[in-house]
Structures are given as structure tokens and as C-alpha cells.
Amino acid sequence: MKIPSLKLNTSAEMPIVGLGTWKSKTGEVQNAVEVAIEMGYRHIDCARAYGNEKEVGNGISSMIAKGTVKREDVFITSKLWNVYHAPKDVRGTLMDSLKDLQTSYLDLYLIHWPQAYVNNGEMFPKDSNGKFLYSDVDYVDTWKAMIELQKEGLCKSIGVSNFNEFQINRLIKETQVTPAAHQIELHPYLVQPKMVEFCQANNIAVTAYSPLGSPDRPWAAAGEPVLLEDAKIQAIAQRLGKSPAQVVLRFQIQRNVIVIPKSVTPSRISSNLSLFDFELSAEDMETISSFDRNFRGCALGWVSDHKFYPFKDSYAE
């Protein structure tokens, strides 16, 4: 089965379903990637900060060696981490990702977050009180360095993640280069209609991370809502003979949004791809949209005093 894709503003084709790898443990992710490719996935979402790109690379390489796929059949995304925002560090960290992923280019390279941290050799640099150490590198300067990498052919498309409208508009205005994609947290508790509309109006593809609500995020607190256990979602799923996960993934696909559900379980990897033999009615779409409670699982509130922290109300620079 060929998975439908969205055409990016660079003319690249990005499959609308990909395998997410955040929180996939060492020892599990290589197998997950191999299983996914075997089942028909042609899009793998990675990031330097996940600490597992070597294993992801092993998984992709083994499937290329087997002849299951060629490199050009697989859409590989990675992300530039917050400690590498200084223009002089951008190329080096991309080369590290390429080496680990065992490829000479990325299909898409994203700035993971607009806010930068100090580059002191730690991925998560903190002071003795556990507070993150900030850098004031401007994300526009980081973006300019990304544009150079794209010109070199090291990444076919470039984009951003977790930015706000002001920040994206500033990138476009100051560099005349529009991001090809914007990866954001999106699920029925965080529908973000304005952001999705803004991106699509500007020909920026939207990718939903944590599309299942990320119940296994490391900082989840007791009593927080668990999306897939929501009775209304379960009722729609039951009526359609589908799982709650399939329903919430299909919800994004019908908004023309790319989804990257993470799993290391073969049966789930398979069912997360079975999204094209059913449709949600307009009424279902409306019902699911009405669950919106502006609930961010990945608000990163502990860095909310960074000057480029994106989720401030009435953000301004």
C-alpha cells in the first residue's frame, strides 16, 4: 500500500504518516524502524535530542541492504537541538546526525525549538539548581545557517518545530525563505486551528507530534486527561470498528496534517498505518474538534522565562 503524501513548497513529497521515535528506548528502536519499513512506512521522524539516531540509522540501513527500500524511498526528518543554535555549530551537528543515520542527506531538517541553550558539551545544560542555561542566539541567525545547508544539498527541505506565528513571520520577512514544514503538538485536546490555518495558508506543511496525546511523556502528572481513554473518542471508534488511536490519527489526516505516531510494538505500528479504509463524518470531525482544551503536554514550562519561549500569551520581541 502506498501512503498518500503532501507536496512541500520545495516540491518534495512527504508521506502523511511517519514513524515517531521520541521516547523509543535503546534496544527497541532499530527493530521498530525495520518493522515499520517492512509494513510500508516510508517516513521516519528523528531528532538529535532523542539520543537514538544511531539505532534508527541501523534500522534504515538494514532495510536498504535487504533490498526492501532504496534510500530515496524513505523520507527522513531530523531536528537541530537547542544547544547548537549558534551558526558556527549548525553544520557540525547536522553532520553528526547524517553520520548516525548513515545517509548523505536529510529530506527535512527542522529547528527543534526557537529557544537556544548554552553549548557547554551537555545536551541539557543546567546550573547547580537544575535551571537550564540559556543562550540568546537569535533563531533567525540559526535559520540563515540552515538555508546554507539546504543550498549545499545536505537537507532537501528545511523547517521549524514549536514556533509561533510571530516567529515564523519573522523568518519569512528577514530571509525570504518560508519553512517547508512546521512540526507542532496536535491532538484533540490541543487542536490549534489558527496555527494550522496560518501554516496551510502560507504553504507550510503541518506535522502533528504527540498525535495520540503522548501519555508516556516523562513529566506527565497524575490526573491529567488521557486522550485515548476519552469516552466520546471510544464511542466514535466503536461505531466505526476502529481503535481510538486510529480515530484520532484519522482526524489529523482529514485536516491535511501529517502524523508521526511513536510505537515500538509491531501490532500498533501496523494499526497506526491502517487509516485509509475509513472516513470520519463532518459531524465526527466537529465532535472531536470540540474536545479542544488548549492542553499542552509539551509546554516546557520550565523554560518559559526564555526570551524566545514560543507559548507566551501575546508573544512579542
C-alpha atoms as a PDB file:
ATOM      1  CA  MET A   1       0.000   0.000   0.000  1.00  0.00           C
ATOM      2  CA  LYS A   2       1.387   3.399  -0.982  1.00  0.00           C
ATOM      3  CA  ILE A   3       0.837   6.005   1.717  1.00  0.00           C
ATOM      4  CA  PRO A   4      -0.537   9.328   0.432  1.00  0.00           C
ATOM      5  CA  SER A   5       1.858  12.250   0.687  1.00  0.00           C
ATOM      6  CA  LEU A   6       1.749  16.038   0.902  1.00  0.00           C
ATOM      7  CA  LYS A   7       3.738  18.142  -1.543  1.00  0.00           C
ATOM      8  CA  LEU A   8       6.030  20.578   0.265  1.00  0.00           C
ATOM      9  CA  ASN A   9       6.849  24.070  -1.002  1.00  0.00           C
ATOM     10  CA  THR A  10      10.186  22.593  -2.177  1.00  0.00           C
ATOM     11  CA  SER A  11       8.221  20.101  -4.370  1.00  0.00           C
ATOM     12  CA  ALA A  12       9.354  17.212  -2.156  1.00  0.00           C
ATOM     13  CA  GLU A  13       6.698  14.606  -1.336  1.00  0.00           C
ATOM     14  CA  MET A  14       6.270  13.949   2.394  1.00  0.00           C
ATOM     15  CA  PRO A  15       4.277  10.822   3.370  1.00  0.00           C
ATOM     16  CA  ILE A  16       1.296  11.789   5.541  1.00  0.00           C
ATOM     17  CA  VAL A  17       2.074   9.058   8.093  1.00  0.00           C
ATOM     18  CA  GLY A  18       5.515   8.533   9.597  1.00  0.00           C
ATOM     19  CA  LEU A  19       7.042   6.630  12.488  1.00  0.00           C
ATOM     20  CA  GLY A  20       7.850   8.793  15.501  1.00  0.00           C
ATOM     21  CA  THR A  21      10.956   7.849  17.528  1.00  0.00           C
ATOM     22  CA  TRP A  22      10.795  10.167  20.598  1.00  0.00           C
ATOM     23  CA  LYS A  23      10.995   8.069  23.780  1.00  0.00           C
ATOM     24  CA  SER A  24      11.755   4.878  21.825  1.00  0.00           C
ATOM     25  CA  LYS A  25      14.289   3.126  24.018  1.00  0.00           C
ATOM     26  CA  THR A  26      17.715   1.901  23.001  1.00  0.00           C
ATOM     27  CA  GLY A  27      17.384  -1.730  22.027  1.00  0.00           C
ATOM     28  CA  GLU A  28      13.848  -1.221  20.681  1.00  0.00           C
ATOM     29  CA  VAL A  29      14.030   1.482  18.066  1.00  0.00           C
ATOM     30  CA  GLN A  30      16.064  -0.379  15.421  1.00  0.00           C
ATOM     31  CA  ASN A  31      13.518  -3.185  15.362  1.00  0.00           C
ATOM     32  CA  ALA A  32      10.634  -0.682  15.306  1.00  0.00           C
ATOM     33  CA  VAL A  33      12.137   1.046  12.247  1.00  0.00           C
ATOM     34  CA  GLU A  34      12.709  -2.273  10.447  1.00  0.00           C
ATOM     35  CA  VAL A  35       9.169  -3.484  11.220  1.00  0.00           C
ATOM     36  CA  ALA A  36       7.698  -0.143  10.102  1.00  0.00           C
ATOM     37  CA  ILE A  37       9.551  -0.130   6.778  1.00  0.00           C
ATOM     38  CA  GLU A  38       8.572  -3.770   6.208  1.00  0.00           C
ATOM     39  CA  MET A  39       4.916  -2.774   6.785  1.00  0.00           C
ATOM     40  CA  GLY A  40       5.049   0.105   4.314  1.00  0.00           C
ATOM     41  CA  TYR A  41       6.125   3.165   6.305  1.00  0.00           C
ATOM     42  CA  ARG A  42       8.273   5.469   4.168  1.00  0.00           C
ATOM     43  CA  HIS A  43       8.748   8.355   6.600  1.00  0.00           C
ATOM     44  CA  ILE A  44      10.823   8.255   9.801  1.00  0.00           C
ATOM     45  CA  ASP A  45      10.906  11.193  12.214  1.00  0.00           C
ATOM     46  CA  CYS A  46      14.080  11.585  14.281  1.00  0.00           C
ATOM     47  CA  ALA A  47      15.947  14.185  16.310  1.00  0.00           C
ATOM     48  CA  ARG A  48      19.428  14.647  17.741  1.00  0.00           C
ATOM     49  CA  ALA A  49      17.925  15.177  21.195  1.00  0.00           C
ATOM     50  CA  TYR A  50      16.225  11.758  21.225  1.00  0.00           C
ATOM     51  CA  GLY A  51      19.638  10.101  21.580  1.00  0.00           C
ATOM     52  CA  ASN A  52      18.751   7.162  19.313  1.00  0.00           C
ATOM     53  CA  GLU A  53      19.690   8.251  15.759  1.00  0.00           C
ATOM     54  CA  LYS A  54      22.424   5.568  15.510  1.00  0.00           C
ATOM     55  CA  GLU A  55      19.861   2.826  16.016  1.00  0.00           C
ATOM     56  CA  VAL A  56      17.393   4.471  13.650  1.00  0.00           C
ATOM     57  CA  GLY A  57      20.213   4.599  11.086  1.00  0.00           C
ATOM     58  CA  ASN A  58      20.963   0.911  11.637  1.00  0.00           C
ATOM     59  CA  GLY A  59      17.305   0.076  11.050  1.00  0.00           C
ATOM     60  CA  ILE A  60      17.058   2.070   7.810  1.00  0.00           C
ATOM     61  CA  SER A  61      20.416   0.750   6.556  1.00  0.00           C
ATOM     62  CA  SER A  62      19.495  -2.857   7.215  1.00  0.00           C
ATOM     63  CA  MET A  63      16.287  -2.478   5.188  1.00  0.00           C
ATOM     64  CA  ILE A  64      18.231  -0.837   2.339  1.00  0.00           C
ATOM     65  CA  ALA A  65      20.785  -3.690   2.477  1.00  0.00           C
ATOM     66  CA  LYS A  66      17.921  -6.228   2.312  1.00  0.00           C
ATOM     67  CA  GLY A  67      16.610  -4.516  -0.817  1.00  0.00           C
ATOM     68  CA  THR A  68      13.250  -3.677   0.826  1.00  0.00           C
ATOM     69  CA  VAL A  69      13.762   0.021   0.061  1.00  0.00           C
ATOM     70  CA  LYS A  70      16.237   2.385  -1.562  1.00  0.00           C
ATOM     71  CA  ARG A  71      17.429   5.454   0.349  1.00  0.00           C
ATOM     72  CA  GLU A  72      15.336   7.740  -1.868  1.00  0.00           C
ATOM     73  CA  ASP A  73      12.176   5.802  -0.920  1.00  0.00           C
ATOM     74  CA  VAL A  74      12.438   6.827   2.746  1.00  0.00           C
ATOM     75  CA  PHE A  75      11.679  10.365   3.925  1.00  0.00           C
ATOM     76  CA  ILE A  76      13.992  11.097   6.874  1.00  0.00           C
ATOM     77  CA  THR A  77      13.448  14.083   9.168  1.00  0.00           C
ATOM     78  CA  SER A  78      15.830  15.195  11.900  1.00  0.00           C
ATOM     79  CA  LYS A  79      15.978  18.247  14.157  1.00  0.00           C
ATOM     80  CA  LEU A  80      18.649  20.691  15.251  1.00  0.00           C
ATOM     81  CA  TRP A  81      18.813  20.718  19.049  1.00  0.00           C
ATOM     82  CA  ASN A  82      18.732  23.855  21.221  1.00  0.00           C
ATOM     83  CA  VAL A  83      22.433  23.795  22.181  1.00  0.00           C
ATOM     84  CA  TYR A  84      23.515  24.018  18.524  1.00  0.00           C
ATOM     85  CA  HIS A  85      21.757  27.252  17.505  1.00  0.00           C
ATOM     86  CA  ALA A  86      24.966  29.264  17.066  1.00  0.00           C
ATOM     87  CA  PRO A  87      25.539  29.472  13.282  1.00  0.00           C
ATOM     88  CA  LYS A  88      29.057  28.011  13.702  1.00  0.00           C
ATOM     89  CA  ASP A  89      27.583  24.844  15.334  1.00  0.00           C
ATOM     90  CA  VAL A  90      24.779  24.154  12.854  1.00  0.00           C
ATOM     91  CA  ARG A  91      26.744  22.314  10.182  1.00  0.00           C
ATOM     92  CA  GLY A  92      28.633  20.135  12.663  1.00  0.00           C
ATOM     93  CA  THR A  93      25.531  18.834  14.407  1.00  0.00           C
ATOM     94  CA  LEU A  94      23.869  18.088  11.068  1.00  0.00           C
ATOM     95  CA  MET A  95      26.972  16.104  10.009  1.00  0.00           C
ATOM     96  CA  ASP A  96      26.717  14.131  13.287  1.00  0.00           C
ATOM     97  CA  SER A  97      23.076  13.294  12.526  1.00  0.00           C
ATOM     98  CA  LEU A  98      23.951  12.281   8.944  1.00  0.00           C
ATOM     99  CA  LYS A  99      26.734  10.028  10.225  1.00  0.00           C
ATOM    100  CA  ASP A 100      24.488   8.318  12.781  1.00  0.00           C
ATOM    101  CA  LEU A 101      21.597   7.983  10.335  1.00  0.00           C
ATOM    102  CA  GLN A 102      24.069   6.637   7.739  1.00  0.00           C
ATOM    103  CA  THR A 103      22.910   8.914   4.954  1.00  0.00           C
ATOM    104  CA  SER A 104      24.440  11.738   2.908  1.00  0.00           C
ATOM    105  CA  TYR A 105      21.380  13.998   3.159  1.00  0.00           C
ATOM    106  CA  LEU A 106      18.172  14.579   5.117  1.00  0.00           C
ATOM    107  CA  ASP A 107      14.799  15.010   3.461  1.00  0.00           C
ATOM    108  CA  LEU A 108      13.796  17.546   6.098  1.00  0.00           C
ATOM    109  CA  TYR A 109      15.787  19.325   8.812  1.00  0.00           C
ATOM    110  CA  LEU A 110      13.927  21.290  11.486  1.00  0.00           C
ATOM    111  CA  ILE A 111      14.930  23.776  14.170  1.00  0.00           C
ATOM    112  CA  HIS A 112      13.570  21.786  17.130  1.00  0.00           C
ATOM    113  CA  TRP A 113      12.662  24.827  19.305  1.00  0.00           C
ATOM    114  CA  PRO A 114      13.120  28.580  18.837  1.00  0.00           C
ATOM    115  CA  GLN A 115      14.914  28.993  22.181  1.00  0.00           C
ATOM    116  CA  ALA A 116      18.650  28.277  22.436  1.00  0.00           C
ATOM    117  CA  TYR A 117      20.644  26.821  25.334  1.00  0.00           C
ATOM    118  CA  VAL A 118      24.347  27.242  26.054  1.00  0.00           C
ATOM    119  CA  ASN A 119      26.639  24.830  24.234  1.00  0.00           C
ATOM    120  CA  ASN A 120      28.866  23.532  27.028  1.00  0.00           C
ATOM    121  CA  GLY A 121      29.072  19.906  25.926  1.00  0.00           C
ATOM    122  CA  GLU A 122      25.808  18.886  27.617  1.00  0.00           C
ATOM    123  CA  MET A 123      22.598  18.243  25.663  1.00  0.00           C
ATOM    124  CA  PHE A 124      20.534  19.621  28.559  1.00  0.00           C
ATOM    125  CA  PRO A 125      22.837  22.209  30.184  1.00  0.00           C
ATOM    126  CA  LYS A 126      21.734  23.223  33.704  1.00  0.00           C
ATOM    127  CA  ASP A 127      23.169  25.147  36.610  1.00  0.00           C
ATOM    128  CA  SER A 128      23.623  23.716  40.116  1.00  0.00           C
ATOM    129  CA  ASN A 129      19.940  24.458  40.887  1.00  0.00           C
ATOM    130  CA  GLY A 130      18.766  22.445  37.894  1.00  0.00           C
ATOM    131  CA  LYS A 131      17.816  25.518  35.867  1.00  0.00           C
ATOM    132  CA  PHE A 132      18.503  25.436  32.118  1.00  0.00           C
ATOM    133  CA  LEU A 133      21.375  27.625  30.931  1.00  0.00           C
ATOM    134  CA  TYR A 134      20.128  29.891  28.166  1.00  0.00           C
ATOM    135  CA  SER A 135      21.871  31.356  25.157  1.00  0.00           C
ATOM    136  CA  ASP A 136      20.467  34.397  23.393  1.00  0.00           C
ATOM    137  CA  VAL A 137      21.357  33.255  19.863  1.00  0.00           C
ATOM    138  CA  ASP A 138      18.623  34.568  17.578  1.00  0.00           C
ATOM    139  CA  TYR A 139      16.713  31.797  15.794  1.00  0.00           C
ATOM    140  CA  VAL A 140      16.820  33.916  12.583  1.00  0.00           C
ATOM    141  CA  ASP A 141      20.626  33.515  12.550  1.00  0.00           C
ATOM    142  CA  THR A 142      20.186  29.771  13.060  1.00  0.00           C
ATOM    143  CA  TRP A 143      17.699  29.746  10.164  1.00  0.00           C
ATOM    144  CA  LYS A 144      20.196  31.524   7.888  1.00  0.00           C
ATOM    145  CA  ALA A 145      22.722  28.757   8.633  1.00  0.00           C
ATOM    146  CA  MET A 146      20.055  26.142   7.797  1.00  0.00           C
ATOM    147  CA  ILE A 147      19.438  27.859   4.445  1.00  0.00           C
ATOM    148  CA  GLU A 148      23.133  27.386   3.607  1.00  0.00           C
ATOM    149  CA  LEU A 149      22.928  23.658   4.406  1.00  0.00           C
ATOM    150  CA  GLN A 150      19.941  23.356   2.091  1.00  0.00           C
ATOM    151  CA  LYS A 151      21.888  25.098  -0.687  1.00  0.00           C
ATOM    152  CA  GLU A 152      24.685  22.543  -0.162  1.00  0.00           C
ATOM    153  CA  GLY A 153      22.161  19.730  -0.673  1.00  0.00           C
ATOM    154  CA  LEU A 154      22.707  18.336   2.832  1.00  0.00           C
ATOM    155  CA  CYS A 155      18.978  18.733   3.524  1.00  0.00           C
ATOM    156  CA  LYS A 156      16.405  18.838   0.744  1.00  0.00           C
ATOM    157  CA  SER A 157      13.893  20.857   2.781  1.00  0.00           C
ATOM    158  CA  ILE A 158      14.159  22.874   5.974  1.00  0.00           C
ATOM    159  CA  GLY A 159      11.541  23.788   8.532  1.00  0.00           C
ATOM    160  CA  VAL A 160      10.780  24.519  12.164  1.00  0.00           C
ATOM    161  CA  SER A 161       9.105  22.998  15.188  1.00  0.00           C
ATOM    162  CA  ASN A 162       7.330  24.599  18.169  1.00  0.00           C
ATOM    163  CA  PHE A 163       7.482  28.136  16.739  1.00  0.00           C
ATOM    164  CA  ASN A 164       4.692  30.694  16.978  1.00  0.00           C
ATOM    165  CA  GLU A 165       3.202  32.837  14.187  1.00  0.00           C
ATOM    166  CA  PHE A 166       5.290  35.884  15.066  1.00  0.00           C
ATOM    167  CA  GLN A 167       8.492  33.837  14.850  1.00  0.00           C
ATOM    168  CA  ILE A 168       7.592  32.201  11.537  1.00  0.00           C
ATOM    169  CA  ASN A 169       6.597  35.551  10.037  1.00  0.00           C
ATOM    170  CA  ARG A 170       9.924  36.975  11.164  1.00  0.00           C
ATOM    171  CA  LEU A 171      11.870  34.142   9.464  1.00  0.00           C
ATOM    172  CA  ILE A 172       9.999  34.745   6.205  1.00  0.00           C
ATOM    173  CA  LYS A 173      10.348  38.524   6.377  1.00  0.00           C
ATOM    174  CA  GLU A 174      14.049  38.547   7.215  1.00  0.00           C
ATOM    175  CA  THR A 175      15.260  35.744   4.926  1.00  0.00           C
ATOM    176  CA  GLN A 176      12.554  35.395   2.228  1.00  0.00           C
ATOM    177  CA  VAL A 177      12.728  31.634   2.849  1.00  0.00           C
ATOM    178  CA  THR A 178       9.467  30.083   4.040  1.00  0.00           C
ATOM    179  CA  PRO A 179       9.791  26.927   6.155  1.00  0.00           C
ATOM    180  CA  ALA A 180       8.670  23.823   4.250  1.00  0.00           C
ATOM    181  CA  ALA A 181       7.109  22.330   7.373  1.00  0.00           C
ATOM    182  CA  HIS A 182       6.142  23.151  10.944  1.00  0.00           C
ATOM    183  CA  GLN A 183       6.040  20.299  13.457  1.00  0.00           C
ATOM    184  CA  ILE A 184       3.806  21.047  16.447  1.00  0.00           C
ATOM    185  CA  GLU A 185       1.977  19.258  19.224  1.00  0.00           C
ATOM    186  CA  LEU A 186      -1.513  18.468  17.892  1.00  0.00           C
ATOM    187  CA  HIS A 187      -4.237  16.173  19.193  1.00  0.00           C
ATOM    188  CA  PRO A 188      -7.942  16.577  20.052  1.00  0.00           C
ATOM    189  CA  TYR A 189      -7.085  18.308  23.372  1.00  0.00           C
ATOM    190  CA  LEU A 190      -4.853  20.775  21.502  1.00  0.00           C
ATOM    191  CA  VAL A 191      -6.437  21.410  18.093  1.00  0.00           C
ATOM    192  CA  GLN A 192      -4.617  24.694  17.272  1.00  0.00           C
ATOM    193  CA  PRO A 193      -6.979  25.699  14.425  1.00  0.00           C
ATOM    194  CA  LYS A 194      -5.379  29.140  13.983  1.00  0.00           C
ATOM    195  CA  MET A 195      -1.851  27.789  13.694  1.00  0.00           C
ATOM    196  CA  VAL A 196      -2.877  25.044  11.241  1.00  0.00           C
ATOM    197  CA  GLU A 197      -4.770  27.591   9.138  1.00  0.00           C
ATOM    198  CA  PHE A 198      -1.851  30.058   9.231  1.00  0.00           C
ATOM    199  CA  CYS A 199       0.658  27.405   8.106  1.00  0.00           C
ATOM    200  CA  GLN A 200      -1.532  25.975   5.361  1.00  0.00           C
ATOM    201  CA  ALA A 201      -2.332  29.480   4.055  1.00  0.00           C
ATOM    202  CA  ASN A 202       1.431  30.076   3.792  1.00  0.00           C
ATOM    203  CA  ASN A 203       2.096  26.726   2.081  1.00  0.00           C
ATOM    204  CA  ILE A 204       3.837  25.325   5.163  1.00  0.00           C
ATOM    205  CA  ALA A 205       3.032  21.637   5.761  1.00  0.00           C
ATOM    206  CA  VAL A 206       1.937  20.828   9.304  1.00  0.00           C
ATOM    207  CA  THR A 207       3.152  17.735  11.148  1.00  0.00           C
ATOM    208  CA  ALA A 208       1.434  16.639  14.370  1.00  0.00           C
ATOM    209  CA  TYR A 209       3.713  15.319  17.074  1.00  0.00           C
ATOM    210  CA  SER A 210       2.192  13.531  20.073  1.00  0.00           C
ATOM    211  CA  PRO A 211      -0.950  12.957  17.937  1.00  0.00           C
ATOM    212  CA  LEU A 212      -2.117  10.354  20.478  1.00  0.00           C
ATOM    213  CA  GLY A 213      -1.674  12.799  23.372  1.00  0.00           C
ATOM    214  CA  SER A 214       1.734  11.406  24.484  1.00  0.00           C
ATOM    215  CA  PRO A 215       0.504   9.680  27.676  1.00  0.00           C
ATOM    216  CA  ASP A 216       4.061   8.342  28.224  1.00  0.00           C
ATOM    217  CA  ARG A 217       5.738  11.782  28.267  1.00  0.00           C
ATOM    218  CA  PRO A 218       8.277  11.688  31.112  1.00  0.00           C
ATOM    219  CA  TRP A 219       6.673  14.586  33.043  1.00  0.00           C
ATOM    220  CA  ALA A 220       3.014  13.510  32.794  1.00  0.00           C
ATOM    221  CA  ALA A 221       1.272  14.298  36.090  1.00  0.00           C
ATOM    222  CA  ALA A 222      -1.323  12.173  37.853  1.00  0.00           C
ATOM    223  CA  GLY A 223      -4.862  13.186  36.990  1.00  0.00           C
ATOM    224  CA  GLU A 224      -4.014  14.717  33.598  1.00  0.00           C
ATOM    225  CA  PRO A 225      -6.509  13.704  30.889  1.00  0.00           C
ATOM    226  CA  VAL A 226      -5.686  10.573  28.880  1.00  0.00           C
ATOM    227  CA  LEU A 227      -6.927  11.131  25.356  1.00  0.00           C
ATOM    228  CA  LEU A 228      -7.335   7.519  24.218  1.00  0.00           C
ATOM    229  CA  GLU A 229      -9.458   6.741  27.295  1.00  0.00           C
ATOM    230  CA  ASP A 230     -11.915   9.544  26.491  1.00  0.00           C
ATOM    231  CA  ALA A 231     -15.440   8.045  26.370  1.00  0.00           C
ATOM    232  CA  LYS A 232     -16.514  10.144  23.362  1.00  0.00           C
ATOM    233  CA  ILE A 233     -13.471   9.064  21.327  1.00  0.00           C
ATOM    234  CA  GLN A 234     -14.112   5.456  22.320  1.00  0.00           C
ATOM    235  CA  ALA A 235     -17.749   5.742  21.207  1.00  0.00           C
ATOM    236  CA  ILE A 236     -16.770   7.018  17.730  1.00  0.00           C
ATOM    237  CA  ALA A 237     -14.128   4.272  17.459  1.00  0.00           C
ATOM    238  CA  GLN A 238     -16.616   1.583  18.443  1.00  0.00           C
ATOM    239  CA  ARG A 239     -19.155   2.788  15.891  1.00  0.00           C
ATOM    240  CA  LEU A 240     -16.549   2.693  13.112  1.00  0.00           C
ATOM    241  CA  GLY A 241     -14.985  -0.586  14.210  1.00  0.00           C
ATOM    242  CA  LYS A 242     -11.629   1.158  14.674  1.00  0.00           C
ATOM    243  CA  SER A 243      -9.361   1.832  17.655  1.00  0.00           C
ATOM    244  CA  PRO A 244      -9.356   5.194  19.471  1.00  0.00           C
ATOM    245  CA  ALA A 245      -5.779   5.727  18.190  1.00  0.00           C
ATOM    246  CA  GLN A 246      -6.885   5.210  14.581  1.00  0.00           C
ATOM    247  CA  VAL A 247      -9.722   7.702  15.049  1.00  0.00           C
ATOM    248  CA  VAL A 248      -7.504  10.481  16.431  1.00  0.00           C
ATOM    249  CA  LEU A 249      -4.863   9.893  13.731  1.00  0.00           C
ATOM    250  CA  ARG A 250      -7.519   9.961  11.011  1.00  0.00           C
ATOM    251  CA  PHE A 251      -8.787  13.253  12.487  1.00  0.00           C
ATOM    252  CA  GLN A 252      -5.448  14.909  11.655  1.00  0.00           C
ATOM    253  CA  ILE A 253      -5.171  13.328   8.210  1.00  0.00           C
ATOM    254  CA  GLN A 254      -8.565  14.778   7.282  1.00  0.00           C
ATOM    255  CA  ARG A 255      -7.198  18.196   8.292  1.00  0.00           C
ATOM    256  CA  ASN A 256      -4.356  17.591   5.800  1.00  0.00           C
ATOM    257  CA  VAL A 257      -1.930  17.243   8.702  1.00  0.00           C
ATOM    258  CA  ILE A 258       0.952  14.737   8.731  1.00  0.00           C
ATOM    259  CA  VAL A 259       1.067  12.374  11.738  1.00  0.00           C
ATOM    260  CA  ILE A 260       4.095  10.674  13.310  1.00  0.00           C
ATOM    261  CA  PRO A 261       2.768   8.303  15.997  1.00  0.00           C
ATOM    262  CA  LYS A 262       5.517   6.638  18.005  1.00  0.00           C
ATOM    263  CA  SER A 263       5.378   2.945  18.803  1.00  0.00           C
ATOM    264  CA  VAL A 264       7.802   0.051  19.196  1.00  0.00           C
ATOM    265  CA  THR A 265       5.014  -2.562  19.250  1.00  0.00           C
ATOM    266  CA  PRO A 266       4.573  -4.263  15.839  1.00  0.00           C
ATOM    267  CA  SER A 267       0.768  -4.592  16.144  1.00  0.00           C
ATOM    268  CA  ARG A 268       0.436  -0.870  16.941  1.00  0.00           C
ATOM    269  CA  ILE A 269       2.922   0.172  14.277  1.00  0.00           C
ATOM    270  CA  SER A 270       0.685  -1.709  11.853  1.00  0.00           C
ATOM    271  CA  SER A 271      -2.674  -0.361  13.105  1.00  0.00           C
ATOM    272  CA  ASN A 272      -1.316   3.226  13.134  1.00  0.00           C
ATOM    273  CA  LEU A 273      -0.940   2.850   9.377  1.00  0.00           C
ATOM    274  CA  SER A 274      -4.445   1.455   8.755  1.00  0.00           C
ATOM    275  CA  LEU A 275      -6.044   4.864   8.367  1.00  0.00           C
ATOM    276  CA  PHE A 276      -7.156   4.914   4.755  1.00  0.00           C
ATOM    277  CA  ASP A 277     -10.076   2.468   4.683  1.00  0.00           C
ATOM    278  CA  PHE A 278     -12.496   4.656   6.650  1.00  0.00           C
ATOM    279  CA  GLU A 279     -13.559   8.263   6.943  1.00  0.00           C
ATOM    280  CA  LEU A 280     -14.792  10.475   9.759  1.00  0.00           C
ATOM    281  CA  SER A 281     -18.022  12.307   9.010  1.00  0.00           C
ATOM    282  CA  ALA A 282     -18.209  16.122   9.226  1.00  0.00           C
ATOM    283  CA  GLU A 283     -20.107  15.580  12.472  1.00  0.00           C
ATOM    284  CA  ASP A 284     -17.338  13.322  13.865  1.00  0.00           C
ATOM    285  CA  MET A 285     -14.733  15.945  12.917  1.00  0.00           C
ATOM    286  CA  GLU A 286     -16.756  18.615  14.707  1.00  0.00           C
ATOM    287  CA  THR A 287     -17.242  16.462  17.792  1.00  0.00           C
ATOM    288  CA  ILE A 288     -13.523  15.680  18.031  1.00  0.00           C
ATOM    289  CA  SER A 289     -12.599  19.352  17.464  1.00  0.00           C
ATOM    290  CA  SER A 290     -14.876  20.283  20.360  1.00  0.00           C
ATOM    291  CA  PHE A 291     -12.595  18.360  22.782  1.00  0.00           C
ATOM    292  CA  ASP A 292     -10.056  21.189  22.442  1.00  0.00           C
ATOM    293  CA  ARG A 293      -8.977  22.395  25.887  1.00  0.00           C
ATOM    294  CA  ASN A 294      -5.684  24.007  24.855  1.00  0.00           C
ATOM    295  CA  PHE A 295      -3.891  21.267  26.803  1.00  0.00           C
ATOM    296  CA  ARG A 296      -0.168  21.152  26.014  1.00  0.00           C
ATOM    297  CA  GLY A 297       1.628  18.009  27.081  1.00  0.00           C
ATOM    298  CA  CYS A 298       4.885  19.554  25.864  1.00  0.00           C
ATOM    299  CA  ALA A 299       4.679  23.139  27.085  1.00  0.00           C
ATOM    300  CA  LEU A 300       8.229  23.053  28.529  1.00  0.00           C
ATOM    301  CA  GLY A 301       7.030  25.449  31.214  1.00  0.00           C
ATOM    302  CA  TRP A 302      10.393  25.215  32.997  1.00  0.00           C
ATOM    303  CA  VAL A 303      11.979  27.391  30.254  1.00  0.00           C
ATOM    304  CA  SER A 304       9.069  29.824  29.960  1.00  0.00           C
ATOM    305  CA  ASP A 305      11.288  32.738  31.020  1.00  0.00           C
ATOM    306  CA  HIS A 306      13.496  32.349  27.919  1.00  0.00           C
ATOM    307  CA  LYS A 307      13.074  35.395  25.699  1.00  0.00           C
ATOM    308  CA  PHE A 308      12.229  33.228  22.667  1.00  0.00           C
ATOM    309  CA  TYR A 309       9.921  30.821  24.543  1.00  0.00           C
ATOM    310  CA  PRO A 310       7.126  30.418  21.961  1.00  0.00           C
ATOM    311  CA  PHE A 311       3.996  29.778  24.018  1.00  0.00           C
ATOM    312  CA  LYS A 312       3.685  33.091  25.871  1.00  0.00           C
ATOM    313  CA  ASP A 313       0.321  34.779  25.587  1.00  0.00           C
ATOM    314  CA  SER A 314       0.626  37.869  23.376  1.00  0.00           C
ATOM    315  CA  TYR A 315       4.205  36.998  22.412  1.00  0.00           C
ATOM    316  CA  ALA A 316       6.357  39.893  21.267  1.00  0.00           C
ATOM    317  CA  GLU A 317      10.038  40.596  20.726  1.00  0.00           C
END
